[in-house]
N, C-alpha and C. Protein backbone atom coordinates (compact mmCIF):
# COMPACT_ATOMS: atom_id res chain seq x y z
N UNK A 1 57.86 -12.57 66.52
CA UNK A 1 57.89 -11.32 65.77
C UNK A 1 58.56 -10.26 66.64
N UNK A 2 59.54 -9.57 66.09
CA UNK A 2 60.21 -8.53 66.87
C UNK A 2 59.38 -7.24 66.86
N UNK A 3 59.79 -6.29 67.67
CA UNK A 3 59.03 -5.03 67.84
C UNK A 3 58.86 -4.28 66.52
N UNK A 4 59.91 -4.19 65.73
CA UNK A 4 59.84 -3.47 64.46
C UNK A 4 58.86 -4.15 63.49
N UNK A 5 58.88 -5.47 63.46
CA UNK A 5 57.92 -6.20 62.60
C UNK A 5 56.49 -5.98 63.08
N UNK A 6 56.31 -5.96 64.39
CA UNK A 6 54.98 -5.74 64.96
C UNK A 6 54.47 -4.34 64.61
N UNK A 7 55.33 -3.35 64.69
CA UNK A 7 54.95 -1.97 64.33
C UNK A 7 54.60 -1.90 62.86
N UNK A 8 55.43 -2.50 62.02
CA UNK A 8 55.16 -2.51 60.57
C UNK A 8 53.86 -3.21 60.25
N UNK A 9 53.60 -4.33 60.92
CA UNK A 9 52.35 -5.08 60.69
C UNK A 9 51.15 -4.24 61.12
N UNK A 10 51.27 -3.58 62.26
CA UNK A 10 50.18 -2.75 62.75
C UNK A 10 49.90 -1.58 61.80
N UNK A 11 50.95 -0.90 61.38
CA UNK A 11 50.77 0.22 60.45
C UNK A 11 50.18 -0.25 59.12
N UNK A 12 50.76 -1.30 58.56
CA UNK A 12 50.28 -1.80 57.26
C UNK A 12 48.85 -2.28 57.31
N UNK A 13 48.53 -3.09 58.32
CA UNK A 13 47.16 -3.60 58.40
C UNK A 13 46.19 -2.47 58.73
N UNK A 14 46.63 -1.52 59.53
CA UNK A 14 45.75 -0.39 59.87
C UNK A 14 45.43 0.47 58.67
N UNK A 15 46.45 0.76 57.87
CA UNK A 15 46.22 1.57 56.67
C UNK A 15 45.32 0.84 55.68
N UNK A 16 45.56 -0.46 55.51
CA UNK A 16 44.72 -1.25 54.60
C UNK A 16 43.28 -1.32 55.11
N UNK A 17 43.12 -1.57 56.39
CA UNK A 17 41.78 -1.65 56.97
C UNK A 17 41.08 -0.30 56.94
N UNK A 18 41.83 0.76 57.24
CA UNK A 18 41.24 2.10 57.20
C UNK A 18 40.77 2.47 55.81
N UNK A 19 41.56 2.12 54.79
CA UNK A 19 41.15 2.40 53.40
C UNK A 19 39.92 1.58 53.04
N UNK A 20 39.88 0.32 53.46
CA UNK A 20 38.71 -0.52 53.18
C UNK A 20 37.46 0.04 53.87
N UNK A 21 37.60 0.43 55.12
CA UNK A 21 36.48 1.01 55.84
C UNK A 21 36.00 2.32 55.23
N UNK A 22 36.95 3.12 54.77
CA UNK A 22 36.60 4.38 54.12
C UNK A 22 35.87 4.12 52.81
N UNK A 23 36.28 3.08 52.08
CA UNK A 23 35.58 2.72 50.85
C UNK A 23 34.14 2.30 51.15
N UNK A 24 33.94 1.52 52.21
CA UNK A 24 32.59 1.11 52.59
C UNK A 24 31.76 2.33 52.99
N UNK A 25 32.32 3.19 53.82
CA UNK A 25 31.60 4.39 54.26
C UNK A 25 31.26 5.28 53.07
N UNK A 26 32.18 5.41 52.15
CA UNK A 26 31.94 6.24 50.95
C UNK A 26 30.79 5.66 50.14
N UNK A 27 30.75 4.35 50.00
CA UNK A 27 29.64 3.71 49.29
C UNK A 27 28.30 3.99 49.96
N UNK A 28 28.28 3.91 51.28
CA UNK A 28 27.05 4.21 52.03
C UNK A 28 26.66 5.67 51.83
N UNK A 29 27.64 6.56 51.88
CA UNK A 29 27.37 7.98 51.68
C UNK A 29 26.84 8.27 50.28
N UNK A 30 27.42 7.66 49.27
CA UNK A 30 26.96 7.87 47.89
C UNK A 30 25.52 7.39 47.74
N UNK A 31 25.21 6.24 48.31
CA UNK A 31 23.83 5.74 48.25
C UNK A 31 22.88 6.69 48.96
N UNK A 32 23.28 7.16 50.13
CA UNK A 32 22.44 8.09 50.90
C UNK A 32 22.23 9.39 50.14
N UNK A 33 23.27 9.90 49.49
CA UNK A 33 23.15 11.15 48.72
C UNK A 33 22.15 10.97 47.58
N UNK A 34 22.18 9.82 46.92
CA UNK A 34 21.24 9.57 45.83
C UNK A 34 19.81 9.50 46.35
N UNK A 35 19.61 8.80 47.45
CA UNK A 35 18.27 8.68 48.04
C UNK A 35 17.76 10.04 48.50
N UNK A 36 18.62 10.80 49.17
CA UNK A 36 18.22 12.08 49.74
C UNK A 36 18.27 13.22 48.72
N UNK A 37 18.95 13.00 47.59
CA UNK A 37 19.07 14.05 46.57
C UNK A 37 19.94 15.21 47.04
N UNK A 38 20.98 14.90 47.79
CA UNK A 38 21.84 15.97 48.30
C UNK A 38 23.22 15.90 47.64
N UNK A 39 23.93 16.99 47.74
CA UNK A 39 25.28 17.12 47.19
C UNK A 39 26.28 16.55 48.21
N UNK A 40 27.49 16.21 47.75
CA UNK A 40 28.53 15.76 48.68
C UNK A 40 28.86 16.84 49.71
N UNK A 41 29.24 16.40 50.88
CA UNK A 41 29.60 17.32 51.95
C UNK A 41 30.94 17.99 51.67
N UNK A 42 31.00 19.25 52.04
CA UNK A 42 32.25 20.01 51.94
C UNK A 42 32.92 20.15 53.30
N UNK A 43 32.30 19.58 54.33
CA UNK A 43 32.79 19.77 55.70
C UNK A 43 34.24 19.33 55.88
N UNK A 44 34.67 18.19 55.33
CA UNK A 44 36.10 17.86 55.51
C UNK A 44 37.03 18.95 54.97
N UNK A 45 36.71 19.50 53.81
CA UNK A 45 37.53 20.57 53.25
C UNK A 45 37.43 21.82 54.11
N UNK A 46 36.23 22.14 54.57
CA UNK A 46 36.05 23.34 55.39
C UNK A 46 36.84 23.25 56.69
N UNK A 47 36.96 22.04 57.24
CA UNK A 47 37.74 21.86 58.47
C UNK A 47 39.20 22.18 58.23
N UNK A 48 39.75 21.65 57.14
CA UNK A 48 41.16 21.91 56.82
C UNK A 48 41.36 23.38 56.49
N UNK A 49 40.43 23.95 55.74
CA UNK A 49 40.54 25.37 55.39
C UNK A 49 40.56 26.23 56.65
N UNK A 50 39.71 25.87 57.61
CA UNK A 50 39.61 26.66 58.83
C UNK A 50 40.88 26.52 59.68
N UNK A 51 41.37 25.30 59.81
CA UNK A 51 42.55 25.05 60.63
C UNK A 51 43.81 25.65 60.01
N UNK A 52 43.96 25.49 58.68
CA UNK A 52 45.17 25.95 58.00
C UNK A 52 45.05 27.33 57.38
N UNK A 53 43.84 27.88 57.37
CA UNK A 53 43.64 29.18 56.74
C UNK A 53 43.80 29.11 55.23
N UNK A 54 43.48 27.98 54.65
CA UNK A 54 43.67 27.76 53.20
C UNK A 54 42.38 28.06 52.44
N UNK A 55 42.52 28.38 51.20
CA UNK A 55 41.40 28.59 50.28
C UNK A 55 41.62 27.71 49.06
N UNK A 56 40.67 26.83 48.72
CA UNK A 56 40.87 25.92 47.60
C UNK A 56 40.83 26.60 46.23
N UNK A 57 40.17 27.75 46.11
CA UNK A 57 40.16 28.48 44.85
C UNK A 57 38.98 28.22 43.95
N UNK A 58 38.39 27.05 44.00
CA UNK A 58 37.23 26.75 43.16
C UNK A 58 36.39 25.65 43.82
N UNK A 59 35.17 25.53 43.34
CA UNK A 59 34.26 24.48 43.83
C UNK A 59 34.85 23.09 43.59
N UNK A 60 35.42 22.90 42.41
CA UNK A 60 36.02 21.61 42.06
C UNK A 60 37.19 21.28 42.99
N UNK A 61 38.02 22.25 43.26
CA UNK A 61 39.18 22.02 44.15
C UNK A 61 38.71 21.76 45.58
N UNK A 62 37.63 22.42 45.99
CA UNK A 62 37.10 22.19 47.34
C UNK A 62 36.58 20.76 47.46
N UNK A 63 35.91 20.24 46.44
CA UNK A 63 35.43 18.86 46.47
C UNK A 63 36.61 17.89 46.46
N UNK A 64 37.66 18.20 45.71
CA UNK A 64 38.85 17.35 45.70
C UNK A 64 39.50 17.33 47.08
N UNK A 65 39.59 18.49 47.71
CA UNK A 65 40.15 18.57 49.05
C UNK A 65 39.28 17.79 50.04
N UNK A 66 37.97 17.93 49.93
CA UNK A 66 37.06 17.21 50.82
C UNK A 66 37.27 15.70 50.70
N UNK A 67 37.41 15.21 49.48
CA UNK A 67 37.64 13.78 49.27
C UNK A 67 39.00 13.35 49.82
N UNK A 68 40.02 14.16 49.59
CA UNK A 68 41.36 13.83 50.09
C UNK A 68 41.37 13.76 51.62
N UNK A 69 40.71 14.71 52.26
CA UNK A 69 40.65 14.73 53.73
C UNK A 69 39.85 13.53 54.23
N UNK A 70 38.71 13.25 53.61
CA UNK A 70 37.85 12.11 53.98
C UNK A 70 38.65 10.81 53.93
N UNK A 71 39.35 10.57 52.82
CA UNK A 71 40.11 9.33 52.65
C UNK A 71 41.32 9.27 53.58
N UNK A 72 42.00 10.38 53.77
CA UNK A 72 43.16 10.39 54.66
C UNK A 72 42.74 10.15 56.10
N UNK A 73 41.71 10.84 56.53
CA UNK A 73 41.20 10.72 57.90
C UNK A 73 40.75 9.28 58.17
N UNK A 74 39.95 8.73 57.28
CA UNK A 74 39.45 7.37 57.47
C UNK A 74 40.56 6.33 57.42
N UNK A 75 41.49 6.51 56.52
CA UNK A 75 42.59 5.55 56.39
C UNK A 75 43.47 5.58 57.63
N UNK A 76 43.81 6.77 58.11
CA UNK A 76 44.68 6.88 59.28
C UNK A 76 44.02 6.35 60.55
N UNK A 77 42.71 6.52 60.70
CA UNK A 77 42.03 5.99 61.89
C UNK A 77 42.10 4.47 61.93
N UNK A 78 42.32 3.83 60.78
CA UNK A 78 42.47 2.39 60.78
C UNK A 78 43.67 1.93 61.60
N UNK A 79 44.70 2.76 61.69
CA UNK A 79 45.89 2.40 62.46
C UNK A 79 45.54 2.27 63.95
N UNK A 80 44.68 3.14 64.45
CA UNK A 80 44.27 3.04 65.85
C UNK A 80 43.57 1.71 66.11
N UNK A 81 42.71 1.30 65.18
CA UNK A 81 42.01 0.01 65.34
C UNK A 81 42.99 -1.15 65.24
N UNK A 82 43.99 -1.05 64.36
CA UNK A 82 44.97 -2.13 64.21
C UNK A 82 45.87 -2.25 65.42
N UNK A 83 46.02 -1.20 66.20
CA UNK A 83 46.85 -1.26 67.40
C UNK A 83 46.12 -1.96 68.55
N UNK A 84 44.82 -2.06 68.49
CA UNK A 84 44.07 -2.63 69.60
C UNK A 84 44.41 -4.08 69.91
N UNK A 85 44.61 -4.96 68.91
CA UNK A 85 44.99 -6.34 69.25
C UNK A 85 46.32 -6.43 70.01
N UNK A 86 47.19 -5.48 69.81
CA UNK A 86 48.46 -5.46 70.54
C UNK A 86 48.19 -5.35 72.04
N UNK A 87 47.08 -4.70 72.39
CA UNK A 87 46.69 -4.52 73.80
C UNK A 87 45.61 -5.51 74.24
N UNK A 88 45.39 -6.55 73.42
CA UNK A 88 44.44 -7.60 73.78
C UNK A 88 43.00 -7.31 73.42
N UNK A 89 42.74 -6.22 72.70
CA UNK A 89 41.36 -5.89 72.31
C UNK A 89 41.10 -6.40 70.89
N UNK A 90 40.07 -7.20 70.75
CA UNK A 90 39.70 -7.75 69.45
C UNK A 90 38.17 -7.77 69.34
N UNK A 91 37.73 -8.05 68.14
CA UNK A 91 36.31 -8.30 67.91
C UNK A 91 35.43 -7.10 68.20
N UNK A 92 34.23 -7.42 68.69
CA UNK A 92 33.20 -6.40 68.89
C UNK A 92 33.62 -5.32 69.89
N UNK A 93 34.35 -5.70 70.94
CA UNK A 93 34.78 -4.69 71.92
C UNK A 93 35.72 -3.67 71.27
N UNK A 94 36.66 -4.15 70.48
CA UNK A 94 37.60 -3.25 69.81
C UNK A 94 36.87 -2.39 68.79
N UNK A 95 35.95 -3.01 68.05
CA UNK A 95 35.19 -2.25 67.04
C UNK A 95 34.32 -1.19 67.71
N UNK A 96 33.70 -1.52 68.83
CA UNK A 96 32.90 -0.54 69.56
C UNK A 96 33.73 0.62 70.07
N UNK A 97 34.91 0.32 70.59
CA UNK A 97 35.80 1.38 71.05
C UNK A 97 36.25 2.24 69.88
N UNK A 98 36.60 1.60 68.78
CA UNK A 98 37.02 2.33 67.58
C UNK A 98 35.90 3.24 67.09
N UNK A 99 34.69 2.73 67.02
CA UNK A 99 33.53 3.54 66.62
C UNK A 99 33.40 4.75 67.54
N UNK A 100 33.50 4.53 68.84
CA UNK A 100 33.38 5.63 69.79
C UNK A 100 34.46 6.69 69.60
N UNK A 101 35.68 6.24 69.33
CA UNK A 101 36.77 7.19 69.11
C UNK A 101 36.58 8.00 67.83
N UNK A 102 36.26 7.30 66.74
CA UNK A 102 36.14 7.98 65.44
C UNK A 102 34.93 8.90 65.42
N UNK A 103 33.76 8.37 65.75
CA UNK A 103 32.55 9.19 65.70
C UNK A 103 32.60 10.26 66.78
N UNK A 104 33.06 9.89 67.97
CA UNK A 104 33.14 10.86 69.06
C UNK A 104 34.04 12.03 68.73
N UNK A 105 35.17 11.75 68.08
CA UNK A 105 36.07 12.86 67.74
C UNK A 105 35.40 13.80 66.74
N UNK A 106 34.68 13.25 65.77
CA UNK A 106 33.97 14.11 64.81
C UNK A 106 32.90 14.95 65.51
N UNK A 107 32.22 14.34 66.48
CA UNK A 107 31.16 15.06 67.20
C UNK A 107 31.70 16.17 68.09
N UNK A 108 32.98 16.11 68.41
CA UNK A 108 33.62 17.16 69.21
C UNK A 108 34.30 18.19 68.30
N UNK A 109 35.07 17.71 67.32
CA UNK A 109 35.88 18.60 66.48
C UNK A 109 35.02 19.53 65.61
N UNK A 110 34.01 18.97 64.94
CA UNK A 110 33.23 19.80 64.01
C UNK A 110 32.49 20.93 64.71
N UNK A 111 31.82 20.70 65.85
CA UNK A 111 31.22 21.84 66.55
C UNK A 111 32.26 22.82 67.08
N UNK A 112 33.40 22.30 67.52
CA UNK A 112 34.46 23.19 68.03
C UNK A 112 34.98 24.12 66.93
N UNK A 113 34.97 23.64 65.69
CA UNK A 113 35.39 24.47 64.56
C UNK A 113 34.25 25.33 64.01
N UNK A 114 33.06 25.19 64.57
CA UNK A 114 31.92 25.96 64.09
C UNK A 114 31.35 25.44 62.78
N UNK A 115 31.62 24.16 62.45
CA UNK A 115 31.16 23.59 61.19
C UNK A 115 29.91 22.74 61.32
N UNK A 116 29.48 22.49 62.53
CA UNK A 116 28.27 21.72 62.78
C UNK A 116 27.76 22.09 64.17
N UNK A 117 26.47 22.02 64.37
CA UNK A 117 25.96 22.25 65.72
C UNK A 117 26.29 21.04 66.60
N UNK A 118 26.22 21.21 67.91
CA UNK A 118 26.41 20.04 68.79
C UNK A 118 25.38 18.97 68.44
N UNK A 119 25.76 17.71 68.61
CA UNK A 119 24.88 16.60 68.25
C UNK A 119 23.55 16.67 69.01
N UNK A 120 23.54 17.31 70.16
CA UNK A 120 22.30 17.44 70.93
C UNK A 120 21.26 18.30 70.21
N UNK A 121 21.68 19.04 69.18
CA UNK A 121 20.75 19.87 68.41
C UNK A 121 20.46 19.28 67.03
N UNK A 122 20.97 18.08 66.74
CA UNK A 122 20.70 17.44 65.45
C UNK A 122 19.33 16.77 65.48
N UNK A 123 18.65 16.74 64.34
CA UNK A 123 17.43 15.93 64.26
C UNK A 123 17.78 14.45 64.43
N UNK A 124 16.87 13.68 65.00
CA UNK A 124 17.13 12.25 65.23
C UNK A 124 17.50 11.52 63.95
N UNK A 125 16.85 11.86 62.86
CA UNK A 125 17.14 11.20 61.58
C UNK A 125 18.60 11.43 61.17
N UNK A 126 19.10 12.64 61.37
CA UNK A 126 20.48 12.94 61.01
C UNK A 126 21.45 12.17 61.91
N UNK A 127 21.14 12.08 63.19
CA UNK A 127 22.00 11.32 64.11
C UNK A 127 22.07 9.86 63.66
N UNK A 128 20.92 9.28 63.34
CA UNK A 128 20.89 7.87 62.93
C UNK A 128 21.65 7.64 61.62
N UNK A 129 21.50 8.55 60.66
CA UNK A 129 22.24 8.41 59.39
C UNK A 129 23.73 8.51 59.63
N UNK A 130 24.16 9.51 60.40
CA UNK A 130 25.58 9.70 60.65
C UNK A 130 26.15 8.53 61.44
N UNK A 131 25.43 8.08 62.44
CA UNK A 131 25.87 6.92 63.21
C UNK A 131 25.96 5.69 62.31
N UNK A 132 24.95 5.49 61.46
CA UNK A 132 24.96 4.33 60.56
C UNK A 132 26.17 4.32 59.65
N UNK A 133 26.54 5.48 59.12
CA UNK A 133 27.72 5.55 58.25
C UNK A 133 28.99 5.22 59.03
N UNK A 134 29.08 5.70 60.25
CA UNK A 134 30.26 5.43 61.07
C UNK A 134 30.29 3.97 61.54
N UNK A 135 29.13 3.39 61.80
CA UNK A 135 29.08 1.96 62.14
C UNK A 135 29.57 1.13 60.96
N UNK A 136 29.11 1.45 59.75
CA UNK A 136 29.55 0.72 58.56
C UNK A 136 31.08 0.80 58.44
N UNK A 137 31.62 1.97 58.65
CA UNK A 137 33.08 2.17 58.60
C UNK A 137 33.77 1.31 59.66
N UNK A 138 33.34 1.43 60.91
CA UNK A 138 34.02 0.73 62.01
C UNK A 138 33.92 -0.78 61.87
N UNK A 139 32.79 -1.28 61.45
CA UNK A 139 32.63 -2.73 61.27
C UNK A 139 33.54 -3.23 60.15
N UNK A 140 33.62 -2.48 59.05
CA UNK A 140 34.49 -2.89 57.95
C UNK A 140 35.95 -2.87 58.37
N UNK A 141 36.37 -1.81 59.04
CA UNK A 141 37.76 -1.72 59.51
C UNK A 141 38.05 -2.87 60.48
N UNK A 142 37.14 -3.08 61.41
CA UNK A 142 37.33 -4.15 62.39
C UNK A 142 37.42 -5.52 61.76
N UNK A 143 36.59 -5.78 60.76
CA UNK A 143 36.63 -7.08 60.09
C UNK A 143 37.98 -7.31 59.41
N UNK A 144 38.50 -6.29 58.77
CA UNK A 144 39.79 -6.43 58.09
C UNK A 144 40.91 -6.61 59.13
N UNK A 145 40.93 -5.78 60.15
CA UNK A 145 41.97 -5.88 61.18
C UNK A 145 41.92 -7.25 61.85
N UNK A 146 40.73 -7.68 62.27
CA UNK A 146 40.63 -8.95 62.97
C UNK A 146 41.07 -10.11 62.08
N UNK A 147 40.77 -10.02 60.81
CA UNK A 147 41.21 -11.08 59.88
C UNK A 147 42.73 -11.06 59.73
N UNK A 148 43.30 -9.88 59.62
CA UNK A 148 44.75 -9.79 59.45
C UNK A 148 45.52 -10.10 60.73
N UNK A 149 44.86 -9.97 61.87
CA UNK A 149 45.54 -10.20 63.15
C UNK A 149 45.09 -11.49 63.82
N UNK A 150 44.52 -12.41 63.06
CA UNK A 150 44.16 -13.70 63.63
C UNK A 150 45.43 -14.39 64.13
N UNK A 151 45.32 -15.04 65.28
CA UNK A 151 46.50 -15.78 65.77
C UNK A 151 46.94 -16.82 64.74
N UNK A 152 48.23 -16.92 64.55
CA UNK A 152 48.76 -17.87 63.54
C UNK A 152 49.28 -19.11 64.19
């Protein structure tokens, strides 16, 4: 496989895996919202609004923006996981690193934007729920990437 084919394979498998992982995470979030009786989070939209200085104009548009950001963010992070086999990282080690990168970035970015307190001030239950959702995402992404990148 030449370099261009390898890049295309990495991008394609990463986007597919990222979308699959985002679908799994979304399912976990929907179930959690029903159990907890809470509304969908607006934090993804609020992050974009804060960074770009944008205003969605309505509650409905803000929820649409939140979903678009959630799906874009999760799908694009799949590319990072798909690049790991190129560097010899596969399986649980790659999935653990991917989880650390994805969840860790959220734990840094959201407090930096003033949209969440530092994780050290979160209740333990909230940490476990958030970690669980990110684990579900990372495991799903990893399973798809590892399947698509099996040696032929």
